[in-house]
Amino acid sequence: MRKGFLAICLVLVVLLAALAPSCGPTTGTIVVKATVCGVPWQGAVSYTLTPTGGSATNGTVVPTTHSSMLPGTWTCAYVSGGPGGAYFLNSIKPSASQSLIAGGTITFTFDFELKQDAAIQFLTWTVNGVPFPGTSPLELGPCNITDVHFLQWVNGCVGYNVTLNETDWLTIIASPANPLGPVFIYVVNADCALNKTPAQQGGLPSVKKSQVPSINNATVEVGANLTLMPGMLGMLDVHTVWQLVKGTNYTKNINWLGISKPPFDPLHPAHPCVLFELVVPMPGLYQFQLIPSAHVDLVGATDVNMTNNDAMGPPLILNVLVPP
């Protein structure tokens, strides 16, 4: 009899344990926040939180804490809103989809960026890297380099990286009065011919991702050349892609033309740190007009002011005297 009683008690204990509610949590918490330039921000932002296989939860302000959310994978999506003068970077940190466990907390953070503005200005003509403060004409002989400096920057979240497409042109016009026939412009495209200072800002480097030269809007390889007859116009350009740091004033240094006499060896050019080599084949005086210009474009972002994306320098008369 006693054994039967004990068996009945054991069954009752098991049944009560199975029917009793669990003491552990069955839901979790989702926090939605926002930052501008990495700084916490609060205000109106419309968004949705959608679980896998479930109904979405909408939000209209950040920061907001959503409690009693069912465990599972949740995806956060930006709809609209945010701080004035900023835009959404299409970035939700640490990830737009996260797994929520019972009793746990996950956080979605919208990353907003200040509206960006890329700009460029002409600074100066230079000779062998030294600013040329004088006026036309500039008289040079072989073994010299004619170059240009521009000032450029990108406004936005200071210290953030930004990617730019950049194109620089040099229009060169041979004087009709040149009595000595053609000159030749050869492609060197040395990487060191186009650089920016400072090379690093706030621990972040300026990175040139590519550099492609062209003659008369046609991409060219090292060693290609342009024959420039008297009175003829030639268009030299170089397209580069850069990663820079916002809020930094950069000086772009472009070594456009090395001046030399023949022969030209593309493997061992007279000036190994230029974009192009101007080769004058005969002794005498040659005259050219040079016009520099530049353009910058943001990559993957909207520029709030396109009026300062172009720059043009003053024309320079270049006299090249080749001794006998």
C-alpha atoms as a PDB file:
ATOM      1  CA  MET A   1       0.000   0.000   0.000  1.00  0.00           C
ATOM      2  CA  ARG A   2       2.803   2.328   0.900  1.00  0.00           C
ATOM      3  CA  LYS A   3       4.596   1.595  -2.403  1.00  0.00           C
ATOM      4  CA  GLY A   4       1.454   2.438  -4.370  1.00  0.00           C
ATOM      5  CA  PHE A   5       1.074   5.709  -2.525  1.00  0.00           C
ATOM      6  CA  LEU A   6       4.652   6.683  -3.280  1.00  0.00           C
ATOM      7  CA  ALA A   7       4.170   5.856  -6.968  1.00  0.00           C
ATOM      8  CA  ILE A   8       1.064   8.049  -7.137  1.00  0.00           C
ATOM      9  CA  CYS A   9       2.930  10.938  -5.468  1.00  0.00           C
ATOM     10  CA  LEU A  10       5.787  10.623  -7.943  1.00  0.00           C
ATOM     11  CA  VAL A  11       3.427  10.807 -10.902  1.00  0.00           C
ATOM     12  CA  LEU A  12       1.735  13.885  -9.453  1.00  0.00           C
ATOM     13  CA  VAL A  13       5.090  15.629  -8.978  1.00  0.00           C
ATOM     14  CA  VAL A  14       6.052  14.933 -12.608  1.00  0.00           C
ATOM     15  CA  LEU A  15       2.709  16.205 -13.892  1.00  0.00           C
ATOM     16  CA  LEU A  16       2.881  19.371 -11.802  1.00  0.00           C
ATOM     17  CA  ALA A  17       6.411  20.064 -13.008  1.00  0.00           C
ATOM     18  CA  ALA A  18       5.311  19.673 -16.621  1.00  0.00           C
ATOM     19  CA  LEU A  19       2.288  21.930 -16.189  1.00  0.00           C
ATOM     20  CA  ALA A  20       3.998  24.640 -14.114  1.00  0.00           C
ATOM     21  CA  PRO A  21       5.125  27.789 -16.055  1.00  0.00           C
ATOM     22  CA  SER A  22       8.885  28.160 -16.687  1.00  0.00           C
ATOM     23  CA  CYS A  23      10.713  30.708 -14.551  1.00  0.00           C
ATOM     24  CA  GLY A  24      13.094  31.714 -17.431  1.00  0.00           C
ATOM     25  CA  PRO A  25      12.417  34.533 -19.979  1.00  0.00           C
ATOM     26  CA  THR A  26      10.666  33.671 -23.218  1.00  0.00           C
ATOM     27  CA  THR A  27      11.224  36.945 -25.109  1.00  0.00           C
ATOM     28  CA  GLY A  28      14.055  39.372 -25.766  1.00  0.00           C
ATOM     29  CA  THR A  29      14.728  43.098 -26.304  1.00  0.00           C
ATOM     30  CA  ILE A  30      15.569  45.059 -29.455  1.00  0.00           C
ATOM     31  CA  VAL A  31      17.148  48.525 -29.213  1.00  0.00           C
ATOM     32  CA  VAL A  32      17.219  50.867 -32.230  1.00  0.00           C
ATOM     33  CA  LYS A  33      19.608  53.839 -32.182  1.00  0.00           C
ATOM     34  CA  ALA A  34      21.289  56.319 -34.565  1.00  0.00           C
ATOM     35  CA  THR A  35      24.586  58.156 -34.875  1.00  0.00           C
ATOM     36  CA  VAL A  36      25.757  61.138 -36.922  1.00  0.00           C
ATOM     37  CA  CYS A  37      29.494  61.065 -37.661  1.00  0.00           C
ATOM     38  CA  GLY A  38      29.733  58.409 -34.977  1.00  0.00           C
ATOM     39  CA  VAL A  39      28.030  60.600 -32.307  1.00  0.00           C
ATOM     40  CA  PRO A  40      24.714  59.396 -30.764  1.00  0.00           C
ATOM     41  CA  TRP A  41      21.652  61.224 -32.101  1.00  0.00           C
ATOM     42  CA  GLN A  42      17.985  61.189 -31.136  1.00  0.00           C
ATOM     43  CA  GLY A  43      15.003  62.196 -33.226  1.00  0.00           C
ATOM     44  CA  ALA A  44      12.464  61.082 -35.823  1.00  0.00           C
ATOM     45  CA  VAL A  45      13.429  58.054 -37.925  1.00  0.00           C
ATOM     46  CA  SER A  46      10.914  55.664 -39.484  1.00  0.00           C
ATOM     47  CA  TYR A  47      11.993  52.037 -39.649  1.00  0.00           C
ATOM     48  CA  THR A  48      10.686  48.470 -39.599  1.00  0.00           C
ATOM     49  CA  LEU A  49      11.759  45.420 -37.601  1.00  0.00           C
ATOM     50  CA  THR A  50      10.813  42.191 -39.350  1.00  0.00           C
ATOM     51  CA  PRO A  51      11.211  38.683 -37.905  1.00  0.00           C
ATOM     52  CA  THR A  52      11.710  35.644 -40.105  1.00  0.00           C
ATOM     53  CA  GLY A  53       8.241  34.371 -40.945  1.00  0.00           C
ATOM     54  CA  GLY A  54       6.479  36.965 -38.775  1.00  0.00           C
ATOM     55  CA  SER A  55       4.838  40.382 -38.858  1.00  0.00           C
ATOM     56  CA  ALA A  56       6.862  43.593 -38.911  1.00  0.00           C
ATOM     57  CA  THR A  57       7.075  46.059 -36.034  1.00  0.00           C
ATOM     58  CA  ASN A  58       7.265  49.731 -36.986  1.00  0.00           C
ATOM     59  CA  GLY A  59       9.191  52.495 -35.243  1.00  0.00           C
ATOM     60  CA  THR A  60       9.202  56.273 -35.682  1.00  0.00           C
ATOM     61  CA  VAL A  61      11.831  57.597 -33.278  1.00  0.00           C
ATOM     62  CA  VAL A  62      15.324  56.735 -32.064  1.00  0.00           C
ATOM     63  CA  PRO A  63      16.508  55.649 -29.628  1.00  0.00           C
ATOM     64  CA  THR A  64      13.691  53.201 -28.883  1.00  0.00           C
ATOM     65  CA  THR A  65      13.661  49.985 -26.843  1.00  0.00           C
ATOM     66  CA  HIS A  66      11.293  47.241 -28.021  1.00  0.00           C
ATOM     67  CA  SER A  67      10.637  44.674 -25.273  1.00  0.00           C
ATOM     68  CA  SER A  68       8.818  41.332 -25.372  1.00  0.00           C
ATOM     69  CA  MET A  69      10.142  40.508 -28.830  1.00  0.00           C
ATOM     70  CA  LEU A  70      10.031  36.849 -29.876  1.00  0.00           C
ATOM     71  CA  PRO A  71      13.353  35.028 -30.319  1.00  0.00           C
ATOM     72  CA  GLY A  72      14.567  34.514 -33.874  1.00  0.00           C
ATOM     73  CA  THR A  73      16.263  36.419 -36.701  1.00  0.00           C
ATOM     74  CA  TRP A  74      15.213  40.049 -36.966  1.00  0.00           C
ATOM     75  CA  THR A  75      15.953  42.420 -39.877  1.00  0.00           C
ATOM     76  CA  CYS A  76      15.986  46.195 -39.446  1.00  0.00           C
ATOM     77  CA  ALA A  77      15.210  48.440 -42.451  1.00  0.00           C
ATOM     78  CA  TYR A  78      15.465  52.230 -42.763  1.00  0.00           C
ATOM     79  CA  VAL A  79      12.368  53.944 -44.202  1.00  0.00           C
ATOM     80  CA  SER A  80      12.818  57.698 -43.831  1.00  0.00           C
ATOM     81  CA  GLY A  81      13.833  60.542 -41.544  1.00  0.00           C
ATOM     82  CA  GLY A  82      16.996  61.382 -39.719  1.00  0.00           C
ATOM     83  CA  PRO A  83      18.980  64.484 -38.769  1.00  0.00           C
ATOM     84  CA  GLY A  84      18.780  67.621 -40.902  1.00  0.00           C
ATOM     85  CA  GLY A  85      21.786  68.228 -43.126  1.00  0.00           C
ATOM     86  CA  ALA A  86      22.675  64.538 -43.131  1.00  0.00           C
ATOM     87  CA  TYR A  87      21.845  61.406 -45.081  1.00  0.00           C
ATOM     88  CA  PHE A  88      21.634  57.691 -44.365  1.00  0.00           C
ATOM     89  CA  LEU A  89      24.776  55.780 -45.353  1.00  0.00           C
ATOM     90  CA  ASN A  90      22.798  52.572 -46.039  1.00  0.00           C
ATOM     91  CA  SER A  91      24.721  51.226 -43.070  1.00  0.00           C
ATOM     92  CA  ILE A  92      23.150  49.582 -40.022  1.00  0.00           C
ATOM     93  CA  LYS A  93      25.643  48.510 -37.398  1.00  0.00           C
ATOM     94  CA  PRO A  94      26.696  45.906 -36.459  1.00  0.00           C
ATOM     95  CA  SER A  95      24.417  44.233 -39.022  1.00  0.00           C
ATOM     96  CA  ALA A  96      20.967  44.756 -40.527  1.00  0.00           C
ATOM     97  CA  SER A  97      20.000  41.169 -39.591  1.00  0.00           C
ATOM     98  CA  GLN A  98      20.679  39.747 -36.134  1.00  0.00           C
ATOM     99  CA  SER A  99      19.578  36.770 -34.023  1.00  0.00           C
ATOM    100  CA  LEU A 100      17.642  37.410 -30.808  1.00  0.00           C
ATOM    101  CA  ILE A 101      17.584  34.816 -28.037  1.00  0.00           C
ATOM    102  CA  ALA A 102      15.213  34.612 -25.097  1.00  0.00           C
ATOM    103  CA  GLY A 103      16.406  36.989 -22.413  1.00  0.00           C
ATOM    104  CA  GLY A 104      18.891  38.599 -24.801  1.00  0.00           C
ATOM    105  CA  THR A 105      19.241  42.072 -26.333  1.00  0.00           C
ATOM    106  CA  ILE A 106      20.283  43.096 -29.840  1.00  0.00           C
ATOM    107  CA  THR A 107      20.961  46.637 -31.034  1.00  0.00           C
ATOM    108  CA  PHE A 108      20.547  48.161 -34.497  1.00  0.00           C
ATOM    109  CA  THR A 109      22.325  51.491 -35.065  1.00  0.00           C
ATOM    110  CA  PHE A 110      21.585  53.680 -38.106  1.00  0.00           C
ATOM    111  CA  ASP A 111      24.771  55.370 -39.364  1.00  0.00           C
ATOM    112  CA  PHE A 112      24.116  58.869 -40.723  1.00  0.00           C
ATOM    113  CA  GLU A 113      26.669  61.043 -42.551  1.00  0.00           C
ATOM    114  CA  LEU A 114      26.802  64.793 -43.009  1.00  0.00           C
ATOM    115  CA  LYS A 115      26.070  65.805 -46.588  1.00  0.00           C
ATOM    116  CA  GLN A 116      29.287  65.872 -48.590  1.00  0.00           C
ATOM    117  CA  ASP A 117      30.836  68.512 -50.819  1.00  0.00           C
ATOM    118  CA  ALA A 118      33.903  67.834 -52.959  1.00  0.00           C
ATOM    119  CA  ALA A 119      35.806  70.885 -54.190  1.00  0.00           C
ATOM    120  CA  ILE A 120      38.995  71.772 -56.074  1.00  0.00           C
ATOM    121  CA  GLN A 121      40.890  75.014 -56.810  1.00  0.00           C
ATOM    122  CA  PHE A 122      43.917  75.895 -58.908  1.00  0.00           C
ATOM    123  CA  LEU A 123      46.949  76.847 -56.811  1.00  0.00           C
ATOM    124  CA  THR A 124      49.996  77.476 -58.972  1.00  0.00           C
ATOM    125  CA  TRP A 125      52.202  76.508 -61.841  1.00  0.00           C
ATOM    126  CA  THR A 126      55.471  75.017 -60.693  1.00  0.00           C
ATOM    127  CA  VAL A 127      58.878  74.330 -62.252  1.00  0.00           C
ATOM    128  CA  ASN A 128      60.638  71.232 -60.953  1.00  0.00           C
ATOM    129  CA  GLY A 129      58.259  71.313 -57.984  1.00  0.00           C
ATOM    130  CA  VAL A 130      58.956  74.961 -57.091  1.00  0.00           C
ATOM    131  CA  PRO A 131      56.030  77.424 -57.431  1.00  0.00           C
ATOM    132  CA  PHE A 132      56.325  79.739 -60.427  1.00  0.00           C
ATOM    133  CA  PRO A 133      55.020  83.128 -59.257  1.00  0.00           C
ATOM    134  CA  GLY A 134      55.933  84.923 -62.458  1.00  0.00           C
ATOM    135  CA  THR A 135      53.836  85.598 -65.527  1.00  0.00           C
ATOM    136  CA  SER A 136      54.083  84.219 -69.033  1.00  0.00           C
ATOM    137  CA  PRO A 137      56.256  83.438 -70.795  1.00  0.00           C
ATOM    138  CA  LEU A 138      58.156  80.785 -68.885  1.00  0.00           C
ATOM    139  CA  GLU A 139      61.466  79.942 -70.505  1.00  0.00           C
ATOM    140  CA  LEU A 140      62.880  76.468 -69.989  1.00  0.00           C
ATOM    141  CA  GLY A 141      65.380  74.186 -71.617  1.00  0.00           C
ATOM    142  CA  PRO A 142      65.683  70.394 -71.620  1.00  0.00           C
ATOM    143  CA  CYS A 143      66.049  68.600 -68.270  1.00  0.00           C
ATOM    144  CA  ASN A 144      63.184  70.524 -66.646  1.00  0.00           C
ATOM    145  CA  ILE A 145      59.679  69.582 -65.496  1.00  0.00           C
ATOM    146  CA  THR A 146      56.560  71.723 -65.820  1.00  0.00           C
ATOM    147  CA  ASP A 147      53.938  70.888 -63.224  1.00  0.00           C
ATOM    148  CA  VAL A 148      50.736  72.151 -61.584  1.00  0.00           C
ATOM    149  CA  HIS A 149      49.374  72.236 -58.031  1.00  0.00           C
ATOM    150  CA  PHE A 150      45.680  72.166 -57.092  1.00  0.00           C
ATOM    151  CA  LEU A 151      44.028  72.547 -53.678  1.00  0.00           C
ATOM    152  CA  GLN A 152      41.187  70.112 -52.958  1.00  0.00           C
ATOM    153  CA  TRP A 153      39.024  68.869 -50.088  1.00  0.00           C
ATOM    154  CA  VAL A 154      35.776  67.096 -49.198  1.00  0.00           C
ATOM    155  CA  ASN A 155      33.462  68.481 -46.530  1.00  0.00           C
ATOM    156  CA  GLY A 156      31.458  65.992 -44.452  1.00  0.00           C
ATOM    157  CA  CYS A 157      32.123  63.970 -41.328  1.00  0.00           C
ATOM    158  CA  VAL A 158      35.667  65.005 -40.434  1.00  0.00           C
ATOM    159  CA  GLY A 159      38.054  62.075 -40.376  1.00  0.00           C
ATOM    160  CA  TYR A 160      35.848  59.734 -42.430  1.00  0.00           C
ATOM    161  CA  ASN A 161      37.152  58.103 -45.616  1.00  0.00           C
ATOM    162  CA  VAL A 162      35.770  59.201 -48.979  1.00  0.00           C
ATOM    163  CA  THR A 163      36.332  57.922 -52.530  1.00  0.00           C
ATOM    164  CA  LEU A 164      36.789  60.315 -55.458  1.00  0.00           C
ATOM    165  CA  ASN A 165      36.977  60.016 -59.224  1.00  0.00           C
ATOM    166  CA  GLU A 166      39.357  62.700 -60.482  1.00  0.00           C
ATOM    167  CA  THR A 167      40.297  63.831 -63.986  1.00  0.00           C
ATOM    168  CA  ASP A 168      43.065  66.318 -64.784  1.00  0.00           C
ATOM    169  CA  TRP A 169      43.682  67.831 -68.193  1.00  0.00           C
ATOM    170  CA  LEU A 170      46.528  69.712 -69.811  1.00  0.00           C
ATOM    171  CA  THR A 171      45.719  71.387 -73.103  1.00  0.00           C
ATOM    172  CA  ILE A 172      48.888  72.065 -75.095  1.00  0.00           C
ATOM    173  CA  ILE A 173      48.895  74.225 -78.233  1.00  0.00           C
ATOM    174  CA  ALA A 174      51.979  74.436 -80.411  1.00  0.00           C
ATOM    175  CA  SER A 175      52.587  77.925 -81.801  1.00  0.00           C
ATOM    176  CA  PRO A 176      51.952  78.255 -85.549  1.00  0.00           C
ATOM    177  CA  ALA A 177      55.189  80.238 -85.606  1.00  0.00           C
ATOM    178  CA  ASN A 178      57.257  77.200 -84.639  1.00  0.00           C
ATOM    179  CA  PRO A 179      59.458  76.918 -87.732  1.00  0.00           C
ATOM    180  CA  LEU A 180      61.129  73.648 -86.806  1.00  0.00           C
ATOM    181  CA  GLY A 181      58.383  71.148 -87.513  1.00  0.00           C
ATOM    182  CA  PRO A 182      56.796  68.651 -85.127  1.00  0.00           C
ATOM    183  CA  VAL A 183      57.564  67.816 -81.518  1.00  0.00           C
ATOM    184  CA  PHE A 184      56.631  64.558 -79.831  1.00  0.00           C
ATOM    185  CA  ILE A 185      54.816  63.887 -76.564  1.00  0.00           C
ATOM    186  CA  TYR A 186      55.395  60.417 -75.111  1.00  0.00           C
ATOM    187  CA  VAL A 187      53.451  58.665 -72.345  1.00  0.00           C
ATOM    188  CA  VAL A 188      55.469  57.928 -69.183  1.00  0.00           C
ATOM    189  CA  ASN A 189      52.631  57.664 -66.619  1.00  0.00           C
ATOM    190  CA  ALA A 190      54.913  57.335 -63.599  1.00  0.00           C
ATOM    191  CA  ASP A 191      52.933  56.722 -60.418  1.00  0.00           C
ATOM    192  CA  CYS A 192      55.048  59.289 -58.534  1.00  0.00           C
ATOM    193  CA  ALA A 193      54.075  61.962 -61.077  1.00  0.00           C
ATOM    194  CA  LEU A 194      50.721  62.516 -59.358  1.00  0.00           C
ATOM    195  CA  ASN A 195      50.502  62.624 -55.587  1.00  0.00           C
ATOM    196  CA  LYS A 196      48.817  64.449 -52.724  1.00  0.00           C
ATOM    197  CA  THR A 197      50.058  66.007 -49.516  1.00  0.00           C
ATOM    198  CA  PRO A 198      49.556  65.309 -46.704  1.00  0.00           C
ATOM    199  CA  ALA A 199      50.041  61.613 -47.453  1.00  0.00           C
ATOM    200  CA  GLN A 200      48.334  60.741 -44.164  1.00  0.00           C
ATOM    201  CA  GLN A 201      45.828  62.495 -41.929  1.00  0.00           C
ATOM    202  CA  GLY A 202      44.568  61.381 -38.527  1.00  0.00           C
ATOM    203  CA  GLY A 203      46.193  58.003 -38.971  1.00  0.00           C
ATOM    204  CA  LEU A 204      44.399  57.426 -42.306  1.00  0.00           C
ATOM    205  CA  PRO A 205      46.443  57.419 -45.538  1.00  0.00           C
ATOM    206  CA  SER A 206      45.526  59.007 -48.853  1.00  0.00           C
ATOM    207  CA  VAL A 207      45.387  56.059 -51.254  1.00  0.00           C
ATOM    208  CA  LYS A 208      45.609  56.249 -55.042  1.00  0.00           C
ATOM    209  CA  LYS A 209      43.635  53.272 -56.343  1.00  0.00           C
ATOM    210  CA  SER A 210      44.262  53.740 -60.069  1.00  0.00           C
ATOM    211  CA  GLN A 211      45.926  56.050 -62.606  1.00  0.00           C
ATOM    212  CA  VAL A 212      45.070  55.962 -66.331  1.00  0.00           C
ATOM    213  CA  PRO A 213      46.452  58.443 -68.923  1.00  0.00           C
ATOM    214  CA  SER A 214      44.788  59.545 -72.173  1.00  0.00           C
ATOM    215  CA  ILE A 215      45.682  61.568 -75.262  1.00  0.00           C
ATOM    216  CA  ASN A 216      42.837  63.359 -77.030  1.00  0.00           C
ATOM    217  CA  ASN A 217      40.314  61.407 -74.902  1.00  0.00           C
ATOM    218  CA  ALA A 218      41.723  58.007 -75.894  1.00  0.00           C
ATOM    219  CA  THR A 219      43.324  55.787 -73.240  1.00  0.00           C
ATOM    220  CA  VAL A 220      47.006  55.175 -73.995  1.00  0.00           C
ATOM    221  CA  GLU A 221      49.788  52.903 -72.787  1.00  0.00           C
ATOM    222  CA  VAL A 222      53.305  53.788 -71.715  1.00  0.00           C
ATOM    223  CA  GLY A 223      55.417  54.633 -74.766  1.00  0.00           C
ATOM    224  CA  ALA A 224      52.515  55.854 -76.921  1.00  0.00           C
ATOM    225  CA  ASN A 225      53.071  59.279 -78.468  1.00  0.00           C
ATOM    226  CA  LEU A 226      51.409  62.321 -79.966  1.00  0.00           C
ATOM    227  CA  THR A 227      52.981  64.179 -82.893  1.00  0.00           C
ATOM    228  CA  LEU A 228      52.334  67.881 -82.342  1.00  0.00           C
ATOM    229  CA  MET A 229      52.684  69.944 -85.508  1.00  0.00           C
ATOM    230  CA  PRO A 230      52.939  73.775 -85.504  1.00  0.00           C
ATOM    231  CA  GLY A 231      49.509  75.255 -84.704  1.00  0.00           C
ATOM    232  CA  MET A 232      48.179  71.909 -83.488  1.00  0.00           C
ATOM    233  CA  LEU A 233      46.254  71.375 -80.219  1.00  0.00           C
ATOM    234  CA  GLY A 234      46.683  68.308 -78.062  1.00  0.00           C
ATOM    235  CA  MET A 235      44.681  67.231 -75.002  1.00  0.00           C
ATOM    236  CA  LEU A 236      46.542  65.283 -72.328  1.00  0.00           C
ATOM    237  CA  ASP A 237      44.659  63.903 -69.347  1.00  0.00           C
ATOM    238  CA  VAL A 238      44.953  61.485 -66.475  1.00  0.00           C
ATOM    239  CA  HIS A 239      42.104  59.805 -64.586  1.00  0.00           C
ATOM    240  CA  THR A 240      42.690  58.695 -61.010  1.00  0.00           C
ATOM    241  CA  VAL A 241      40.592  57.156 -58.228  1.00  0.00           C
ATOM    242  CA  TRP A 242      41.493  58.181 -54.672  1.00  0.00           C
ATOM    243  CA  GLN A 243      40.547  57.342 -51.114  1.00  0.00           C
ATOM    244  CA  LEU A 244      40.946  60.500 -49.036  1.00  0.00           C
ATOM    245  CA  VAL A 245      40.005  61.764 -45.574  1.00  0.00           C
ATOM    246  CA  LYS A 246      37.137  64.246 -45.219  1.00  0.00           C
ATOM    247  CA  GLY A 247      37.889  67.619 -43.703  1.00  0.00           C
ATOM    248  CA  THR A 248      41.492  67.607 -44.962  1.00  0.00           C
ATOM    249  CA  ASN A 249      42.985  70.194 -47.320  1.00  0.00           C
ATOM    250  CA  TYR A 250      45.091  68.337 -49.880  1.00  0.00           C
ATOM    251  CA  THR A 251      47.593  69.725 -52.348  1.00  0.00           C
ATOM    252  CA  LYS A 252      47.487  67.723 -55.579  1.00  0.00           C
ATOM    253  CA  ASN A 253      50.869  67.757 -57.300  1.00  0.00           C
ATOM    254  CA  ILE A 254      50.943  66.882 -61.019  1.00  0.00           C
ATOM    255  CA  ASN A 255      54.226  66.570 -62.908  1.00  0.00           C
ATOM    256  CA  TRP A 256      52.781  67.015 -66.385  1.00  0.00           C
ATOM    257  CA  LEU A 257      55.707  67.470 -68.754  1.00  0.00           C
ATOM    258  CA  GLY A 258      59.351  66.567 -68.680  1.00  0.00           C
ATOM    259  CA  ILE A 259      61.326  68.328 -71.402  1.00  0.00           C
ATOM    260  CA  SER A 260      64.095  66.455 -73.186  1.00  0.00           C
ATOM    261  CA  LYS A 261      65.860  65.797 -76.495  1.00  0.00           C
ATOM    262  CA  PRO A 262      65.720  62.508 -78.406  1.00  0.00           C
ATOM    263  CA  PRO A 263      66.004  59.606 -78.212  1.00  0.00           C
ATOM    264  CA  PHE A 264      63.106  58.647 -75.926  1.00  0.00           C
ATOM    265  CA  ASP A 265      63.304  55.274 -74.162  1.00  0.00           C
ATOM    266  CA  PRO A 266      59.994  54.311 -72.456  1.00  0.00           C
ATOM    267  CA  LEU A 267      61.885  51.916 -70.187  1.00  0.00           C
ATOM    268  CA  HIS A 268      64.397  54.590 -69.136  1.00  0.00           C
ATOM    269  CA  PRO A 269      62.808  58.019 -69.714  1.00  0.00           C
ATOM    270  CA  ALA A 270      64.841  61.161 -69.121  1.00  0.00           C
ATOM    271  CA  HIS A 271      62.404  62.110 -66.346  1.00  0.00           C
ATOM    272  CA  PRO A 272      61.183  59.001 -64.491  1.00  0.00           C
ATOM    273  CA  CYS A 273      58.607  60.911 -62.415  1.00  0.00           C
ATOM    274  CA  VAL A 274      56.372  62.612 -65.025  1.00  0.00           C
ATOM    275  CA  LEU A 275      53.116  61.809 -66.797  1.00  0.00           C
ATOM    276  CA  PHE A 276      54.360  62.799 -70.263  1.00  0.00           C
ATOM    277  CA  GLU A 277      57.677  63.647 -71.906  1.00  0.00           C
ATOM    278  CA  LEU A 278      57.908  66.545 -74.382  1.00  0.00           C
ATOM    279  CA  VAL A 279      60.691  65.620 -76.796  1.00  0.00           C
ATOM    280  CA  VAL A 280      62.028  68.445 -79.017  1.00  0.00           C
ATOM    281  CA  PRO A 281      64.069  66.936 -81.841  1.00  0.00           C
ATOM    282  CA  MET A 282      66.015  69.926 -83.197  1.00  0.00           C
ATOM    283  CA  PRO A 283      67.844  72.939 -81.713  1.00  0.00           C
ATOM    284  CA  GLY A 284      65.873  76.160 -81.691  1.00  0.00           C
ATOM    285  CA  LEU A 285      63.060  77.981 -79.886  1.00  0.00           C
ATOM    286  CA  TYR A 286      59.691  76.307 -79.490  1.00  0.00           C
ATOM    287  CA  GLN A 287      56.620  78.016 -78.051  1.00  0.00           C
ATOM    288  CA  PHE A 288      53.550  76.386 -76.513  1.00  0.00           C
ATOM    289  CA  GLN A 289      50.437  77.492 -74.656  1.00  0.00           C
ATOM    290  CA  LEU A 290      49.504  75.295 -71.685  1.00  0.00           C
ATOM    291  CA  ILE A 291      46.055  75.329 -70.013  1.00  0.00           C
ATOM    292  CA  PRO A 292      45.452  73.168 -66.878  1.00  0.00           C
ATOM    293  CA  SER A 293      42.039  72.045 -65.606  1.00  0.00           C
ATOM    294  CA  ALA A 294      40.631  69.497 -63.176  1.00  0.00           C
ATOM    295  CA  HIS A 295      37.380  67.827 -62.108  1.00  0.00           C
ATOM    296  CA  VAL A 296      36.416  65.793 -59.011  1.00  0.00           C
ATOM    297  CA  ASP A 297      33.415  63.493 -58.435  1.00  0.00           C
ATOM    298  CA  LEU A 298      32.221  61.713 -55.302  1.00  0.00           C
ATOM    299  CA  VAL A 299      31.829  57.951 -55.657  1.00  0.00           C
ATOM    300  CA  GLY A 300      28.663  56.406 -54.230  1.00  0.00           C
ATOM    301  CA  ALA A 301      27.427  59.642 -52.646  1.00  0.00           C
ATOM    302  CA  THR A 302      25.546  62.809 -53.554  1.00  0.00           C
ATOM    303  CA  ASP A 303      27.508  66.053 -53.808  1.00  0.00           C
ATOM    304  CA  VAL A 304      25.481  68.919 -52.355  1.00  0.00           C
ATOM    305  CA  ASN A 305      27.362  71.565 -54.379  1.00  0.00           C
ATOM    306  CA  MET A 306      28.512  70.719 -57.898  1.00  0.00           C
ATOM    307  CA  THR A 307      29.592  74.276 -58.700  1.00  0.00           C
ATOM    308  CA  ASN A 308      33.008  73.831 -57.078  1.00  0.00           C
ATOM    309  CA  ASN A 309      33.887  70.470 -58.647  1.00  0.00           C
ATOM    310  CA  ASP A 310      35.858  72.041 -61.506  1.00  0.00           C
ATOM    311  CA  ALA A 311      38.933  74.236 -61.634  1.00  0.00           C
ATOM    312  CA  MET A 312      40.966  75.840 -64.401  1.00  0.00           C
ATOM    313  CA  GLY A 313      44.336  77.515 -64.136  1.00  0.00           C
ATOM    314  CA  PRO A 314      45.580  80.511 -66.084  1.00  0.00           C
ATOM    315  CA  PRO A 315      47.167  79.797 -69.480  1.00  0.00           C
ATOM    316  CA  LEU A 316      50.939  79.649 -69.469  1.00  0.00           C
ATOM    317  CA  ILE A 317      53.163  80.444 -72.433  1.00  0.00           C
ATOM    318  CA  LEU A 318      56.081  78.030 -72.388  1.00  0.00           C
ATOM    319  CA  ASN A 319      59.167  78.816 -74.413  1.00  0.00           C
ATOM    320  CA  VAL A 320      61.491  75.859 -74.844  1.00  0.00           C
ATOM    321  CA  LEU A 321      64.981  76.748 -75.981  1.00  0.00           C
ATOM    322  CA  VAL A 322      67.009  73.824 -77.260  1.00  0.00           C
ATOM    323  CA  PRO A 323      70.701  74.680 -77.645  1.00  0.00           C
ATOM    324  CA  PRO A 324      72.704  73.353 -80.607  1.00  0.00           C
END
